[in-house]
Amino acid sequence: MKGVIASIAPSVIIDDASHDLPAGDVHAASWALATYWHLYPPGTVHVAVVDPGVGSSRRALAIEVAQRIIIAPDNGIVTGVLRQSPLSRTIEISNPALMRDVLSATFHGRDVFAPAGAHVAAGVPLHELGPTVPDPFLLSTTQPARDGTGIRGTITHVDHFGNLITDIPGDTVSGGYVAVQGRMRVPVARTYSDVAVGDGVALIGSRGFLEVSVRGGSAAEVTAAGRGASVVWSPE
C-alpha cells in the first residue's frame, strides 16, 4: 500500500496509525479510527482498511467529515467518527482510472483504497472518485443509561494492555465504584498509582471514558470480560 501511495503521490507524508488491531475486527477498527482521526490536521486523508468483506459487493467509500477525508470499506469502520462529527458527503469509489489496472479479490487496500487516497492527497477532486451516495453503513452501538443512582454501560473496546474501555463518559461520574459483570468491583481513582500493583481500578482514560484496569496486569484476563459486557458505575 505504501508503495502504491508513493508511486502516485511521492511527496505526501505517510503515517502509520495502527497495525495491531485484531484481524478482521471492524468494531476495534472503528474505535481506533475514532480515537486518532481528529488529531491530524484538516486536509488529512485517512486510509482505513479492515476489510473482511473484501471482494464482495460491499462498497468502497470516500467520506468527507470535518475537512478530512476517510477512505474505507463500507462496513461500519467510520461509525465512531460519525458519532463525533457530522458527515459532509459520501462518495462511492468507482472510477477505474483511479484504481490499479488489475484488482485482486483479496487486497483492495492495495488496489482500490491506497490509490484513491493517494490521488485525493495529490489534489484530485473528491467527486472524480465516483458518485455521491447515501449515508454509509453504521455499526449498531449502545448508550449508557441511568440505573437507580448508578449508570449502566457497556465495554466498547479492550486494548492491548487488557484495559476494559466503557461507553460511560467520565464527566458523568464522580468517585464511586465500577462492577464488571458481577466479577470484579473496583474503586474509581485518578491514576493507576492510586492502587497497589495487582489491584483493580477504574479511571478516566485518554478518550474521556471510564475504563477498568488492573495495575500491572490485565482486567480482561481477570474478569474474562470483553466487548459487549455490561458494567455498572455506582456512587458507593
C-alpha atoms as a PDB file:
ATOM      1  CA  MET A   1       0.000   0.000   0.000  1.00  0.00           C
ATOM      2  CA  LYS A   2       2.825   2.408   0.817  1.00  0.00           C
ATOM      3  CA  GLY A   3       4.484   1.656  -2.497  1.00  0.00           C
ATOM      4  CA  VAL A   4       1.278   2.406  -4.390  1.00  0.00           C
ATOM      5  CA  ILE A   5       0.773   5.652  -2.495  1.00  0.00           C
ATOM      6  CA  ALA A   6       4.375   6.735  -3.043  1.00  0.00           C
ATOM      7  CA  SER A   7       4.177   5.993  -6.760  1.00  0.00           C
ATOM      8  CA  ILE A   8       1.119   8.255  -7.140  1.00  0.00           C
ATOM      9  CA  ALA A   9       1.885  10.977  -4.588  1.00  0.00           C
ATOM     10  CA  PRO A  10       5.600  10.760  -3.752  1.00  0.00           C
ATOM     11  CA  SER A  11       5.645  13.985  -1.727  1.00  0.00           C
ATOM     12  CA  VAL A  12       2.949  13.047   0.791  1.00  0.00           C
ATOM     13  CA  ILE A  13       3.772  12.087   4.366  1.00  0.00           C
ATOM     14  CA  ILE A  14       2.657   8.546   5.211  1.00  0.00           C
ATOM     15  CA  ASP A  15       1.996   7.956   8.893  1.00  0.00           C
ATOM     16  CA  ASP A  16       1.027   4.566  10.307  1.00  0.00           C
ATOM     17  CA  ALA A  17      -1.699   4.945  12.935  1.00  0.00           C
ATOM     18  CA  SER A  18      -2.101   1.271  13.844  1.00  0.00           C
ATOM     19  CA  HIS A  19      -1.204  -2.208  12.651  1.00  0.00           C
ATOM     20  CA  ASP A  20      -2.018  -4.132  15.841  1.00  0.00           C
ATOM     21  CA  LEU A  21      -5.803  -4.419  15.641  1.00  0.00           C
ATOM     22  CA  PRO A  22      -7.330  -7.904  15.848  1.00  0.00           C
ATOM     23  CA  ALA A  23      -7.612  -9.341  12.347  1.00  0.00           C
ATOM     24  CA  GLY A  24     -10.930  -8.539  10.698  1.00  0.00           C
ATOM     25  CA  ASP A  25     -12.302  -6.726  13.780  1.00  0.00           C
ATOM     26  CA  VAL A  26     -14.303  -3.826  12.339  1.00  0.00           C
ATOM     27  CA  HIS A  27     -15.525  -2.702  15.777  1.00  0.00           C
ATOM     28  CA  ALA A  28     -11.944  -2.373  17.004  1.00  0.00           C
ATOM     29  CA  ALA A  29     -11.021  -0.517  13.821  1.00  0.00           C
ATOM     30  CA  SER A  30     -13.921   1.880  14.289  1.00  0.00           C
ATOM     31  CA  TRP A  31     -12.801   2.558  17.851  1.00  0.00           C
ATOM     32  CA  ALA A  32      -9.192   3.146  16.807  1.00  0.00           C
ATOM     33  CA  LEU A  33     -10.117   5.444  13.917  1.00  0.00           C
ATOM     34  CA  ALA A  34     -12.393   7.474  16.184  1.00  0.00           C
ATOM     35  CA  THR A  35      -9.505   7.846  18.629  1.00  0.00           C
ATOM     36  CA  TYR A  36      -6.962   9.423  16.289  1.00  0.00           C
ATOM     37  CA  TRP A  37      -8.620  10.897  13.185  1.00  0.00           C
ATOM     38  CA  HIS A  38      -9.229  14.372  14.643  1.00  0.00           C
ATOM     39  CA  LEU A  39      -5.650  14.653  15.951  1.00  0.00           C
ATOM     40  CA  TYR A  40      -4.421  15.104  12.372  1.00  0.00           C
ATOM     41  CA  PRO A  41      -4.831  18.487  10.642  1.00  0.00           C
ATOM     42  CA  PRO A  42      -7.608  19.431   8.210  1.00  0.00           C
ATOM     43  CA  GLY A  43      -6.798  18.131   4.751  1.00  0.00           C
ATOM     44  CA  THR A  44      -5.519  14.791   6.052  1.00  0.00           C
ATOM     45  CA  VAL A  45      -6.534  11.705   4.077  1.00  0.00           C
ATOM     46  CA  HIS A  46      -7.036   8.643   6.274  1.00  0.00           C
ATOM     47  CA  VAL A  47      -6.905   5.257   4.556  1.00  0.00           C
ATOM     48  CA  ALA A  48      -8.525   2.802   6.966  1.00  0.00           C
ATOM     49  CA  VAL A  49      -8.635  -0.800   5.820  1.00  0.00           C
ATOM     50  CA  VAL A  50     -10.023  -3.578   7.980  1.00  0.00           C
ATOM     51  CA  ASP A  51     -11.991  -5.370   5.337  1.00  0.00           C
ATOM     52  CA  PRO A  52     -13.347  -8.875   5.998  1.00  0.00           C
ATOM     53  CA  GLY A  53     -15.788  -8.341   3.111  1.00  0.00           C
ATOM     54  CA  VAL A  54     -13.050  -7.719   0.545  1.00  0.00           C
ATOM     55  CA  GLY A  55     -14.042  -8.881  -2.926  1.00  0.00           C
ATOM     56  CA  SER A  56     -17.756  -8.892  -2.107  1.00  0.00           C
ATOM     57  CA  SER A  57     -20.420  -6.376  -3.126  1.00  0.00           C
ATOM     58  CA  ARG A  58     -19.649  -4.039  -0.194  1.00  0.00           C
ATOM     59  CA  ARG A  59     -18.911  -0.534  -1.439  1.00  0.00           C
ATOM     60  CA  ALA A  60     -15.632   1.346  -1.281  1.00  0.00           C
ATOM     61  CA  LEU A  61     -16.183   4.838   0.086  1.00  0.00           C
ATOM     62  CA  ALA A  62     -14.541   8.214   0.441  1.00  0.00           C
ATOM     63  CA  ILE A  63     -16.105  10.109   3.333  1.00  0.00           C
ATOM     64  CA  GLU A  64     -15.643  13.808   3.970  1.00  0.00           C
ATOM     65  CA  VAL A  65     -16.001  14.879   7.588  1.00  0.00           C
ATOM     66  CA  ALA A  66     -14.642  17.969   9.377  1.00  0.00           C
ATOM     67  CA  GLN A  67     -12.372  18.879   6.437  1.00  0.00           C
ATOM     68  CA  ARG A  68     -10.749  15.446   6.454  1.00  0.00           C
ATOM     69  CA  ILE A  69     -11.210  12.502   4.098  1.00  0.00           C
ATOM     70  CA  ILE A  70     -11.581   8.886   5.173  1.00  0.00           C
ATOM     71  CA  ILE A  71     -11.063   6.218   2.521  1.00  0.00           C
ATOM     72  CA  ALA A  72     -12.542   2.939   3.749  1.00  0.00           C
ATOM     73  CA  PRO A  73     -14.782  -0.039   3.025  1.00  0.00           C
ATOM     74  CA  ASP A  74     -18.474   0.477   3.717  1.00  0.00           C
ATOM     75  CA  ASN A  75     -18.603  -1.915   6.659  1.00  0.00           C
ATOM     76  CA  GLY A  76     -19.085   0.392   9.636  1.00  0.00           C
ATOM     77  CA  ILE A  77     -15.469   1.346  10.217  1.00  0.00           C
ATOM     78  CA  VAL A  78     -16.451   5.048  10.194  1.00  0.00           C
ATOM     79  CA  THR A  79     -19.128   4.623  12.873  1.00  0.00           C
ATOM     80  CA  GLY A  80     -17.068   6.060  15.717  1.00  0.00           C
ATOM     81  CA  VAL A  81     -16.039   9.079  13.654  1.00  0.00           C
ATOM     82  CA  LEU A  82     -19.606   9.884  12.610  1.00  0.00           C
ATOM     83  CA  ARG A  83     -20.761   9.665  16.226  1.00  0.00           C
ATOM     84  CA  GLN A  84     -18.351  12.552  16.897  1.00  0.00           C
ATOM     85  CA  SER A  85     -18.763  14.820  13.891  1.00  0.00           C
ATOM     86  CA  PRO A  86     -21.403  15.384  11.191  1.00  0.00           C
ATOM     87  CA  LEU A  87     -20.931  13.892   7.755  1.00  0.00           C
ATOM     88  CA  SER A  88     -20.294  16.319   4.883  1.00  0.00           C
ATOM     89  CA  ARG A  89     -20.618  13.884   1.970  1.00  0.00           C
ATOM     90  CA  THR A  90     -20.015  10.298   0.928  1.00  0.00           C
ATOM     91  CA  ILE A  91     -18.590   9.235  -2.425  1.00  0.00           C
ATOM     92  CA  GLU A  92     -18.544   5.705  -3.773  1.00  0.00           C
ATOM     93  CA  ILE A  93     -15.098   4.919  -5.180  1.00  0.00           C
ATOM     94  CA  SER A  94     -15.942   3.539  -8.609  1.00  0.00           C
ATOM     95  CA  ASN A  95     -13.726   5.324 -11.148  1.00  0.00           C
ATOM     96  CA  PRO A  96     -11.402   2.622 -12.543  1.00  0.00           C
ATOM     97  CA  ALA A  97      -8.949   5.281 -13.730  1.00  0.00           C
ATOM     98  CA  LEU A  98      -8.140   5.997 -10.084  1.00  0.00           C
ATOM     99  CA  MET A  99      -7.533   2.341  -9.160  1.00  0.00           C
ATOM    100  CA  ARG A 100      -4.820  -0.115 -10.104  1.00  0.00           C
ATOM    101  CA  ASP A 101      -5.273  -1.727 -13.515  1.00  0.00           C
ATOM    102  CA  VAL A 102      -5.857  -5.214 -12.097  1.00  0.00           C
ATOM    103  CA  LEU A 103      -7.953  -5.614  -8.953  1.00  0.00           C
ATOM    104  CA  SER A 104      -7.228  -8.535  -6.688  1.00  0.00           C
ATOM    105  CA  ALA A 105     -10.222 -10.129  -4.971  1.00  0.00           C
ATOM    106  CA  THR A 106      -8.286 -10.228  -1.705  1.00  0.00           C
ATOM    107  CA  PHE A 107      -6.298  -6.979  -1.426  1.00  0.00           C
ATOM    108  CA  HIS A 108      -8.398  -3.893  -2.113  1.00  0.00           C
ATOM    109  CA  GLY A 109      -6.236  -1.990   0.362  1.00  0.00           C
ATOM    110  CA  ARG A 110      -3.506  -2.026  -2.251  1.00  0.00           C
ATOM    111  CA  ASP A 111      -5.643  -1.940  -5.382  1.00  0.00           C
ATOM    112  CA  VAL A 112      -8.552   0.382  -4.502  1.00  0.00           C
ATOM    113  CA  PHE A 113      -8.160   2.252  -1.217  1.00  0.00           C
ATOM    114  CA  ALA A 114      -4.466   3.189  -1.374  1.00  0.00           C
ATOM    115  CA  PRO A 115      -4.708   4.558  -4.943  1.00  0.00           C
ATOM    116  CA  ALA A 116      -7.876   6.511  -4.107  1.00  0.00           C
ATOM    117  CA  GLY A 117      -6.286   8.025  -1.039  1.00  0.00           C
ATOM    118  CA  ALA A 118      -3.103   8.899  -2.905  1.00  0.00           C
ATOM    119  CA  HIS A 119      -4.963  10.587  -5.757  1.00  0.00           C
ATOM    120  CA  VAL A 120      -7.020  12.681  -3.332  1.00  0.00           C
ATOM    121  CA  ALA A 121      -3.886  13.625  -1.387  1.00  0.00           C
ATOM    122  CA  ALA A 122      -2.283  14.637  -4.688  1.00  0.00           C
ATOM    123  CA  GLY A 123      -5.150  17.009  -5.435  1.00  0.00           C
ATOM    124  CA  VAL A 124      -7.732  15.003  -7.387  1.00  0.00           C
ATOM    125  CA  PRO A 125     -11.193  16.387  -6.524  1.00  0.00           C
ATOM    126  CA  LEU A 126     -13.270  14.028  -4.449  1.00  0.00           C
ATOM    127  CA  HIS A 127     -16.133  13.909  -6.955  1.00  0.00           C
ATOM    128  CA  GLU A 128     -13.835  12.332  -9.553  1.00  0.00           C
ATOM    129  CA  LEU A 129     -13.695   9.143  -7.471  1.00  0.00           C
ATOM    130  CA  GLY A 130     -17.349   8.414  -8.240  1.00  0.00           C
ATOM    131  CA  PRO A 131     -20.939   9.386  -7.469  1.00  0.00           C
ATOM    132  CA  THR A 132     -22.347  10.756  -4.246  1.00  0.00           C
ATOM    133  CA  VAL A 133     -24.205   8.044  -2.323  1.00  0.00           C
ATOM    134  CA  PRO A 134     -26.460   7.930   0.767  1.00  0.00           C
ATOM    135  CA  ASP A 135     -25.092   7.692   4.280  1.00  0.00           C
ATOM    136  CA  PRO A 136     -22.572   4.914   4.894  1.00  0.00           C
ATOM    137  CA  PHE A 137     -23.356   1.776   6.852  1.00  0.00           C
ATOM    138  CA  LEU A 138     -23.029   2.237  10.618  1.00  0.00           C
ATOM    139  CA  LEU A 139     -22.490  -0.365  13.300  1.00  0.00           C
ATOM    140  CA  SER A 140     -25.159  -0.626  15.977  1.00  0.00           C
ATOM    141  CA  THR A 141     -23.990   0.909  19.239  1.00  0.00           C
ATOM    142  CA  THR A 142     -25.347   1.106  22.763  1.00  0.00           C
ATOM    143  CA  GLN A 143     -25.767   4.097  25.030  1.00  0.00           C
ATOM    144  CA  PRO A 144     -25.231   4.166  28.805  1.00  0.00           C
ATOM    145  CA  ALA A 145     -28.346   4.595  30.912  1.00  0.00           C
ATOM    146  CA  ARG A 146     -29.213   5.542  34.471  1.00  0.00           C
ATOM    147  CA  ASP A 147     -29.756   2.557  36.747  1.00  0.00           C
ATOM    148  CA  GLY A 148     -31.130   3.861  40.020  1.00  0.00           C
ATOM    149  CA  THR A 149     -28.389   6.056  41.445  1.00  0.00           C
ATOM    150  CA  GLY A 150     -25.818   4.488  39.133  1.00  0.00           C
ATOM    151  CA  ILE A 151     -25.091   4.216  35.422  1.00  0.00           C
ATOM    152  CA  ARG A 152     -25.181   1.019  33.384  1.00  0.00           C
ATOM    153  CA  GLY A 153     -22.892   0.883  30.404  1.00  0.00           C
ATOM    154  CA  THR A 154     -21.060  -1.459  28.048  1.00  0.00           C
ATOM    155  CA  ILE A 155     -17.452  -2.347  27.307  1.00  0.00           C
ATOM    156  CA  THR A 156     -16.779  -0.954  23.845  1.00  0.00           C
ATOM    157  CA  HIS A 157     -13.106  -1.854  23.460  1.00  0.00           C
ATOM    158  CA  VAL A 158     -10.353  -3.939  25.019  1.00  0.00           C
ATOM    159  CA  ASP A 159      -6.905  -2.510  24.396  1.00  0.00           C
ATOM    160  CA  HIS A 160      -3.654  -4.479  24.187  1.00  0.00           C
ATOM    161  CA  PHE A 161      -2.990  -3.895  27.883  1.00  0.00           C
ATOM    162  CA  GLY A 162      -6.262  -5.634  28.742  1.00  0.00           C
ATOM    163  CA  ASN A 163      -7.962  -2.411  29.842  1.00  0.00           C
ATOM    164  CA  LEU A 164     -11.753  -2.526  29.525  1.00  0.00           C
ATOM    165  CA  ILE A 165     -12.904   0.741  27.975  1.00  0.00           C
ATOM    166  CA  THR A 166     -16.573   1.571  28.507  1.00  0.00           C
ATOM    167  CA  ASP A 167     -19.076   3.913  26.901  1.00  0.00           C
ATOM    168  CA  ILE A 168     -19.684   5.766  30.190  1.00  0.00           C
ATOM    169  CA  PRO A 169     -18.453   9.368  29.833  1.00  0.00           C
ATOM    170  CA  GLY A 170     -16.031  10.337  32.551  1.00  0.00           C
ATOM    171  CA  ASP A 171     -17.793  13.625  33.214  1.00  0.00           C
ATOM    172  CA  THR A 172     -20.917  11.751  34.337  1.00  0.00           C
ATOM    173  CA  VAL A 173     -19.235  10.030  37.300  1.00  0.00           C
ATOM    174  CA  SER A 174     -17.513  11.208  40.453  1.00  0.00           C
ATOM    175  CA  GLY A 175     -15.758   8.726  42.713  1.00  0.00           C
ATOM    176  CA  GLY A 176     -17.666   5.547  43.473  1.00  0.00           C
ATOM    177  CA  TYR A 177     -17.148   2.055  42.147  1.00  0.00           C
ATOM    178  CA  VAL A 178     -17.429   0.103  38.904  1.00  0.00           C
ATOM    179  CA  ALA A 179     -18.624  -3.505  38.688  1.00  0.00           C
ATOM    180  CA  VAL A 180     -17.866  -5.651  35.637  1.00  0.00           C
ATOM    181  CA  GLN A 181     -20.462  -8.369  35.043  1.00  0.00           C
ATOM    182  CA  GLY A 182     -20.504  -9.002  38.772  1.00  0.00           C
ATOM    183  CA  ARG A 183     -16.982 -10.478  38.585  1.00  0.00           C
ATOM    184  CA  MET A 184     -14.953  -7.533  39.802  1.00  0.00           C
ATOM    185  CA  ARG A 185     -15.816  -4.346  41.696  1.00  0.00           C
ATOM    186  CA  VAL A 186     -13.166  -1.656  41.733  1.00  0.00           C
ATOM    187  CA  PRO A 187     -12.893   1.913  43.009  1.00  0.00           C
ATOM    188  CA  VAL A 188     -12.783   4.906  40.701  1.00  0.00           C
ATOM    189  CA  ALA A 189      -9.426   6.680  41.092  1.00  0.00           C
ATOM    190  CA  ARG A 190      -7.444   9.339  39.275  1.00  0.00           C
ATOM    191  CA  THR A 191      -4.326   7.342  38.323  1.00  0.00           C
ATOM    192  CA  TYR A 192      -3.040   3.769  38.298  1.00  0.00           C
ATOM    193  CA  SER A 193      -0.692   4.604  41.154  1.00  0.00           C
ATOM    194  CA  ASP A 194      -3.653   5.208  43.474  1.00  0.00           C
ATOM    195  CA  VAL A 195      -3.909   1.425  43.939  1.00  0.00           C
ATOM    196  CA  ALA A 196      -1.377  -1.303  44.648  1.00  0.00           C
ATOM    197  CA  VAL A 197       0.179  -3.436  41.908  1.00  0.00           C
ATOM    198  CA  GLY A 198      -2.227  -6.245  41.049  1.00  0.00           C
ATOM    199  CA  ASP A 199      -5.305  -4.368  42.249  1.00  0.00           C
ATOM    200  CA  GLY A 200      -8.188  -3.324  40.040  1.00  0.00           C
ATOM    201  CA  VAL A 201      -9.056   0.302  39.430  1.00  0.00           C
ATOM    202  CA  ALA A 202     -11.418   2.369  37.278  1.00  0.00           C
ATOM    203  CA  LEU A 203     -10.304   5.709  35.907  1.00  0.00           C
ATOM    204  CA  ILE A 204     -10.998   8.194  33.167  1.00  0.00           C
ATOM    205  CA  GLY A 205      -8.961   7.219  30.135  1.00  0.00           C
ATOM    206  CA  SER A 206      -7.372   9.372  27.452  1.00  0.00           C
ATOM    207  CA  ARG A 207     -10.579   9.444  25.390  1.00  0.00           C
ATOM    208  CA  GLY A 208     -12.612  10.716  28.322  1.00  0.00           C
ATOM    209  CA  PHE A 209     -14.472   7.480  29.074  1.00  0.00           C
ATOM    210  CA  LEU A 210     -14.467   5.328  32.165  1.00  0.00           C
ATOM    211  CA  GLU A 211     -12.224   2.287  31.861  1.00  0.00           C
ATOM    212  CA  VAL A 212     -11.415  -0.633  34.137  1.00  0.00           C
ATOM    213  CA  SER A 213      -7.826  -1.730  34.616  1.00  0.00           C
ATOM    214  CA  VAL A 214      -5.587  -3.868  36.769  1.00  0.00           C
ATOM    215  CA  ARG A 215      -2.388  -2.116  37.755  1.00  0.00           C
ATOM    216  CA  GLY A 216       0.446  -4.157  36.266  1.00  0.00           C
ATOM    217  CA  GLY A 217      -2.000  -6.713  34.888  1.00  0.00           C
ATOM    218  CA  SER A 218      -4.947  -7.297  32.560  1.00  0.00           C
ATOM    219  CA  ALA A 219      -8.525  -6.565  33.573  1.00  0.00           C
ATOM    220  CA  ALA A 220      -9.690  -8.574  30.563  1.00  0.00           C
ATOM    221  CA  GLU A 221      -7.923 -11.683  31.881  1.00  0.00           C
ATOM    222  CA  VAL A 222      -9.089 -11.184  35.470  1.00  0.00           C
ATOM    223  CA  THR A 223     -12.743 -10.693  34.532  1.00  0.00           C
ATOM    224  CA  ALA A 224     -12.892 -12.786  31.339  1.00  0.00           C
ATOM    225  CA  ALA A 225     -14.953  -9.875  30.019  1.00  0.00           C
ATOM    226  CA  GLY A 226     -14.783  -8.444  26.541  1.00  0.00           C
ATOM    227  CA  ARG A 227     -16.536  -6.076  24.195  1.00  0.00           C
ATOM    228  CA  GLY A 228     -20.268  -6.013  24.840  1.00  0.00           C
ATOM    229  CA  ALA A 229     -20.019  -6.987  28.514  1.00  0.00           C
ATOM    230  CA  SER A 230     -22.036  -4.907  30.946  1.00  0.00           C
ATOM    231  CA  VAL A 231     -20.560  -2.572  33.540  1.00  0.00           C
ATOM    232  CA  VAL A 232     -22.241  -0.572  36.278  1.00  0.00           C
ATOM    233  CA  TRP A 233     -20.951   2.531  37.995  1.00  0.00           C
ATOM    234  CA  SER A 234     -22.382   3.244  41.411  1.00  0.00           C
ATOM    235  CA  PRO A 235     -21.663   6.198  43.702  1.00  0.00           C
ATOM    236  CA  GLU A 236     -20.959   3.955  46.721  1.00  0.00           C
END
